[in-house]
């Protein structure tokens, strides 16, 4: 009999942990380095189609235009989404976490305007200060040798 706690799992987190361990072993083999493990890509290594909510189709997990590029917000967990809403000064977005990332959605449209007000570097600094899971979208490759990490 399956324990009710294990009827559903955070697949991206589990795969991310696995690939983080693999990246750490790769780092030991190569003599170190900085590795970024991409949860969406990690989860896709074991699932087709991709896991729901990790496709950028929701307000809490997707890409947003900044004044000079794009930022990726990864506030999928409720506590991270709440932290983002509070830091942004928009508690009114709290109920919009899993709503559609579509310009017809007023919350998403407002978020796009919010992020368009600053360049990506300022958003990354803001995110570091506020502990928000947000990064600038970079144009360099995001994976090395088919693994869902990048060595820098």
C-alpha atoms as a PDB file:
ATOM      1  CA  UNK A   1       0.000   0.000   0.000  1.00  0.00           C
ATOM      2  CA  UNK A   2       1.308   3.431  -0.992  1.00  0.00           C
ATOM      3  CA  UNK A   3       1.690   6.027   1.754  1.00  0.00           C
ATOM      4  CA  UNK A   4      -0.513   9.067   0.901  1.00  0.00           C
ATOM      5  CA  UNK A   5       2.493  11.352   1.303  1.00  0.00           C
ATOM      6  CA  UNK A   6       4.163   9.656  -1.679  1.00  0.00           C
ATOM      7  CA  UNK A   7       1.206   9.705  -4.059  1.00  0.00           C
ATOM      8  CA  UNK A   8       2.609  12.832  -5.625  1.00  0.00           C
ATOM      9  CA  UNK A   9       6.148  14.107  -5.653  1.00  0.00           C
ATOM     10  CA  UNK A  10       7.910  17.287  -6.675  1.00  0.00           C
ATOM     11  CA  UNK A  11       9.415  15.760  -9.801  1.00  0.00           C
ATOM     12  CA  UNK A  12      11.473  18.819 -10.734  1.00  0.00           C
ATOM     13  CA  UNK A  13      12.955  19.014  -7.227  1.00  0.00           C
ATOM     14  CA  UNK A  14      13.774  15.311  -7.178  1.00  0.00           C
ATOM     15  CA  UNK A  15      15.379  15.438 -10.623  1.00  0.00           C
ATOM     16  CA  UNK A  16      17.137  18.668  -9.703  1.00  0.00           C
ATOM     17  CA  UNK A  17      18.631  16.983  -6.641  1.00  0.00           C
ATOM     18  CA  UNK A  18      19.779  14.049  -8.760  1.00  0.00           C
ATOM     19  CA  UNK A  19      21.389  16.274 -11.402  1.00  0.00           C
ATOM     20  CA  UNK A  20      22.933  18.466  -8.688  1.00  0.00           C
ATOM     21  CA  UNK A  21      24.635  15.369  -7.332  1.00  0.00           C
ATOM     22  CA  UNK A  22      25.791  14.475 -10.850  1.00  0.00           C
ATOM     23  CA  UNK A  23      27.063  18.037 -11.368  1.00  0.00           C
ATOM     24  CA  UNK A  24      28.947  17.849  -8.059  1.00  0.00           C
ATOM     25  CA  UNK A  25      30.593  14.613  -9.153  1.00  0.00           C
ATOM     26  CA  UNK A  26      31.473  16.220 -12.476  1.00  0.00           C
ATOM     27  CA  UNK A  27      32.955  19.151 -10.552  1.00  0.00           C
ATOM     28  CA  UNK A  28      35.074  16.806  -8.463  1.00  0.00           C
ATOM     29  CA  UNK A  29      36.239  15.051 -11.634  1.00  0.00           C
ATOM     30  CA  UNK A  30      37.080  18.350 -13.372  1.00  0.00           C
ATOM     31  CA  UNK A  31      38.629  19.993 -10.330  1.00  0.00           C
ATOM     32  CA  UNK A  32      35.820  22.404  -9.443  1.00  0.00           C
ATOM     33  CA  UNK A  33      33.671  25.017 -11.106  1.00  0.00           C
ATOM     34  CA  UNK A  34      30.343  26.740 -10.681  1.00  0.00           C
ATOM     35  CA  UNK A  35      27.338  24.720 -11.803  1.00  0.00           C
ATOM     36  CA  UNK A  36      23.776  25.873 -12.398  1.00  0.00           C
ATOM     37  CA  UNK A  37      21.219  23.072 -12.494  1.00  0.00           C
ATOM     38  CA  UNK A  38      18.039  23.857 -14.445  1.00  0.00           C
ATOM     39  CA  UNK A  39      15.019  22.243 -12.811  1.00  0.00           C
ATOM     40  CA  UNK A  40      12.846  22.354 -15.913  1.00  0.00           C
ATOM     41  CA  UNK A  41      15.476  20.627 -18.023  1.00  0.00           C
ATOM     42  CA  UNK A  42      16.281  18.202 -15.201  1.00  0.00           C
ATOM     43  CA  UNK A  43      12.629  17.171 -14.935  1.00  0.00           C
ATOM     44  CA  UNK A  44      12.315  16.797 -18.691  1.00  0.00           C
ATOM     45  CA  UNK A  45      15.054  14.160 -18.652  1.00  0.00           C
ATOM     46  CA  UNK A  46      12.513  11.757 -17.141  1.00  0.00           C
ATOM     47  CA  UNK A  47       9.166  13.031 -18.347  1.00  0.00           C
ATOM     48  CA  UNK A  48       7.381  13.586 -21.626  1.00  0.00           C
ATOM     49  CA  UNK A  49       5.586  15.855 -22.035  1.00  0.00           C
ATOM     50  CA  UNK A  50       7.204  18.365 -19.686  1.00  0.00           C
ATOM     51  CA  UNK A  51       5.829  18.758 -16.169  1.00  0.00           C
ATOM     52  CA  UNK A  52       2.898  21.156 -15.885  1.00  0.00           C
ATOM     53  CA  UNK A  53       3.633  24.635 -14.551  1.00  0.00           C
ATOM     54  CA  UNK A  54       7.274  24.465 -15.640  1.00  0.00           C
ATOM     55  CA  UNK A  55       6.590  25.617 -19.186  1.00  0.00           C
ATOM     56  CA  UNK A  56       6.466  29.350 -18.510  1.00  0.00           C
ATOM     57  CA  UNK A  57       2.716  29.447 -18.889  1.00  0.00           C
ATOM     58  CA  UNK A  58       1.926  30.792 -15.406  1.00  0.00           C
ATOM     59  CA  UNK A  59       2.546  34.113 -13.665  1.00  0.00           C
ATOM     60  CA  UNK A  60       4.717  32.560 -10.966  1.00  0.00           C
ATOM     61  CA  UNK A  61       7.059  30.678 -13.291  1.00  0.00           C
ATOM     62  CA  UNK A  62       8.063  32.266 -16.550  1.00  0.00           C
ATOM     63  CA  UNK A  63       9.886  34.884 -18.561  1.00  0.00           C
ATOM     64  CA  UNK A  64       9.202  38.594 -18.375  1.00  0.00           C
ATOM     65  CA  UNK A  65      10.512  41.457 -20.496  1.00  0.00           C
ATOM     66  CA  UNK A  66      12.921  43.841 -18.764  1.00  0.00           C
ATOM     67  CA  UNK A  67      14.008  47.162 -20.234  1.00  0.00           C
ATOM     68  CA  UNK A  68      17.071  45.548 -21.840  1.00  0.00           C
ATOM     69  CA  UNK A  69      16.299  41.833 -22.047  1.00  0.00           C
ATOM     70  CA  UNK A  70      14.340  39.227 -20.140  1.00  0.00           C
ATOM     71  CA  UNK A  71      14.210  37.887 -16.610  1.00  0.00           C
ATOM     72  CA  UNK A  72      13.077  34.446 -15.496  1.00  0.00           C
ATOM     73  CA  UNK A  73      10.936  34.247 -12.367  1.00  0.00           C
ATOM     74  CA  UNK A  74      10.793  30.839 -10.652  1.00  0.00           C
ATOM     75  CA  UNK A  75       8.437  31.451  -7.716  1.00  0.00           C
ATOM     76  CA  UNK A  76       6.467  28.223  -8.134  1.00  0.00           C
ATOM     77  CA  UNK A  77       6.323  27.400  -4.425  1.00  0.00           C
ATOM     78  CA  UNK A  78       3.676  29.398  -2.516  1.00  0.00           C
ATOM     79  CA  UNK A  79       6.131  30.895  -0.013  1.00  0.00           C
ATOM     80  CA  UNK A  80       8.379  32.124  -2.837  1.00  0.00           C
ATOM     81  CA  UNK A  81       5.429  33.595  -4.719  1.00  0.00           C
ATOM     82  CA  UNK A  82       4.257  35.387  -1.579  1.00  0.00           C
ATOM     83  CA  UNK A  83       7.770  36.713  -1.001  1.00  0.00           C
ATOM     84  CA  UNK A  84       7.866  38.004  -4.568  1.00  0.00           C
ATOM     85  CA  UNK A  85       4.454  39.706  -4.275  1.00  0.00           C
ATOM     86  CA  UNK A  86       5.449  41.345  -0.997  1.00  0.00           C
ATOM     87  CA  UNK A  87       8.834  42.501  -2.296  1.00  0.00           C
ATOM     88  CA  UNK A  88       7.193  43.871  -5.445  1.00  0.00           C
ATOM     89  CA  UNK A  89       4.647  45.748  -3.340  1.00  0.00           C
ATOM     90  CA  UNK A  90       1.797  43.932  -5.093  1.00  0.00           C
ATOM     91  CA  UNK A  91      -0.058  41.800  -2.591  1.00  0.00           C
ATOM     92  CA  UNK A  92      -2.935  42.013  -5.082  1.00  0.00           C
ATOM     93  CA  UNK A  93      -1.057  39.532  -7.299  1.00  0.00           C
ATOM     94  CA  UNK A  94      -1.125  36.835  -4.589  1.00  0.00           C
ATOM     95  CA  UNK A  95      -4.093  34.944  -6.074  1.00  0.00           C
ATOM     96  CA  UNK A  96      -2.627  35.079  -9.595  1.00  0.00           C
ATOM     97  CA  UNK A  97       0.290  32.674  -9.073  1.00  0.00           C
ATOM     98  CA  UNK A  98      -1.008  29.852 -11.280  1.00  0.00           C
ATOM     99  CA  UNK A  99      -3.003  32.091 -13.595  1.00  0.00           C
ATOM    100  CA  UNK A 100      -2.147  32.241 -17.273  1.00  0.00           C
ATOM    101  CA  UNK A 101       0.904  34.088 -18.567  1.00  0.00           C
ATOM    102  CA  UNK A 102      -1.210  35.786 -21.206  1.00  0.00           C
ATOM    103  CA  UNK A 103      -1.425  39.536 -21.851  1.00  0.00           C
ATOM    104  CA  UNK A 104      -5.223  39.274 -21.523  1.00  0.00           C
ATOM    105  CA  UNK A 105      -4.676  38.333 -17.873  1.00  0.00           C
ATOM    106  CA  UNK A 106      -4.580  41.675 -15.983  1.00  0.00           C
ATOM    107  CA  UNK A 107      -2.115  40.366 -13.373  1.00  0.00           C
ATOM    108  CA  UNK A 108       0.292  39.075 -15.997  1.00  0.00           C
ATOM    109  CA  UNK A 109       0.035  42.309 -17.998  1.00  0.00           C
ATOM    110  CA  UNK A 110       0.786  44.293 -14.830  1.00  0.00           C
ATOM    111  CA  UNK A 111       3.774  42.044 -14.072  1.00  0.00           C
ATOM    112  CA  UNK A 112       5.127  42.618 -17.578  1.00  0.00           C
ATOM    113  CA  UNK A 113       4.893  46.380 -17.045  1.00  0.00           C
ATOM    114  CA  UNK A 114       6.519  46.006 -13.614  1.00  0.00           C
ATOM    115  CA  UNK A 115       9.536  44.144 -15.001  1.00  0.00           C
ATOM    116  CA  UNK A 116       9.847  46.365 -18.089  1.00  0.00           C
ATOM    117  CA  UNK A 117      10.693  49.311 -15.816  1.00  0.00           C
ATOM    118  CA  UNK A 118      14.280  48.180 -15.052  1.00  0.00           C
ATOM    119  CA  UNK A 119      17.233  46.491 -16.768  1.00  0.00           C
ATOM    120  CA  UNK A 120      18.049  42.849 -16.047  1.00  0.00           C
ATOM    121  CA  UNK A 121      21.086  43.590 -13.889  1.00  0.00           C
ATOM    122  CA  UNK A 122      18.984  45.736 -11.544  1.00  0.00           C
ATOM    123  CA  UNK A 123      16.372  42.977 -11.343  1.00  0.00           C
ATOM    124  CA  UNK A 124      19.031  40.414 -10.454  1.00  0.00           C
ATOM    125  CA  UNK A 125      20.402  42.681  -7.715  1.00  0.00           C
ATOM    126  CA  UNK A 126      16.879  43.277  -6.378  1.00  0.00           C
ATOM    127  CA  UNK A 127      16.195  39.538  -6.409  1.00  0.00           C
ATOM    128  CA  UNK A 128      19.404  38.748  -4.514  1.00  0.00           C
ATOM    129  CA  UNK A 129      18.559  41.348  -1.863  1.00  0.00           C
ATOM    130  CA  UNK A 130      14.950  40.141  -1.493  1.00  0.00           C
ATOM    131  CA  UNK A 131      15.738  36.404  -1.844  1.00  0.00           C
ATOM    132  CA  UNK A 132      13.533  36.121  -4.931  1.00  0.00           C
ATOM    133  CA  UNK A 133      14.207  33.244  -7.381  1.00  0.00           C
ATOM    134  CA  UNK A 134      14.780  35.446 -10.424  1.00  0.00           C
ATOM    135  CA  UNK A 135      17.637  35.548 -12.938  1.00  0.00           C
ATOM    136  CA  UNK A 136      18.462  37.357 -16.124  1.00  0.00           C
ATOM    137  CA  UNK A 137      17.981  35.292 -19.268  1.00  0.00           C
ATOM    138  CA  UNK A 138      21.408  34.854 -20.828  1.00  0.00           C
ATOM    139  CA  UNK A 139      22.226  33.991 -24.408  1.00  0.00           C
ATOM    140  CA  UNK A 140      25.082  31.579 -23.654  1.00  0.00           C
ATOM    141  CA  UNK A 141      24.395  27.839 -23.771  1.00  0.00           C
ATOM    142  CA  UNK A 142      22.458  26.501 -20.831  1.00  0.00           C
ATOM    143  CA  UNK A 143      23.614  22.918 -20.873  1.00  0.00           C
ATOM    144  CA  UNK A 144      26.909  21.128 -21.363  1.00  0.00           C
ATOM    145  CA  UNK A 145      27.112  17.709 -22.967  1.00  0.00           C
ATOM    146  CA  UNK A 146      23.390  17.052 -22.680  1.00  0.00           C
ATOM    147  CA  UNK A 147      23.372  17.496 -18.906  1.00  0.00           C
ATOM    148  CA  UNK A 148      20.970  20.046 -17.400  1.00  0.00           C
ATOM    149  CA  UNK A 149      23.730  22.247 -15.976  1.00  0.00           C
ATOM    150  CA  UNK A 150      26.241  24.807 -17.142  1.00  0.00           C
ATOM    151  CA  UNK A 151      29.819  25.165 -15.955  1.00  0.00           C
ATOM    152  CA  UNK A 152      31.115  28.721 -15.627  1.00  0.00           C
END
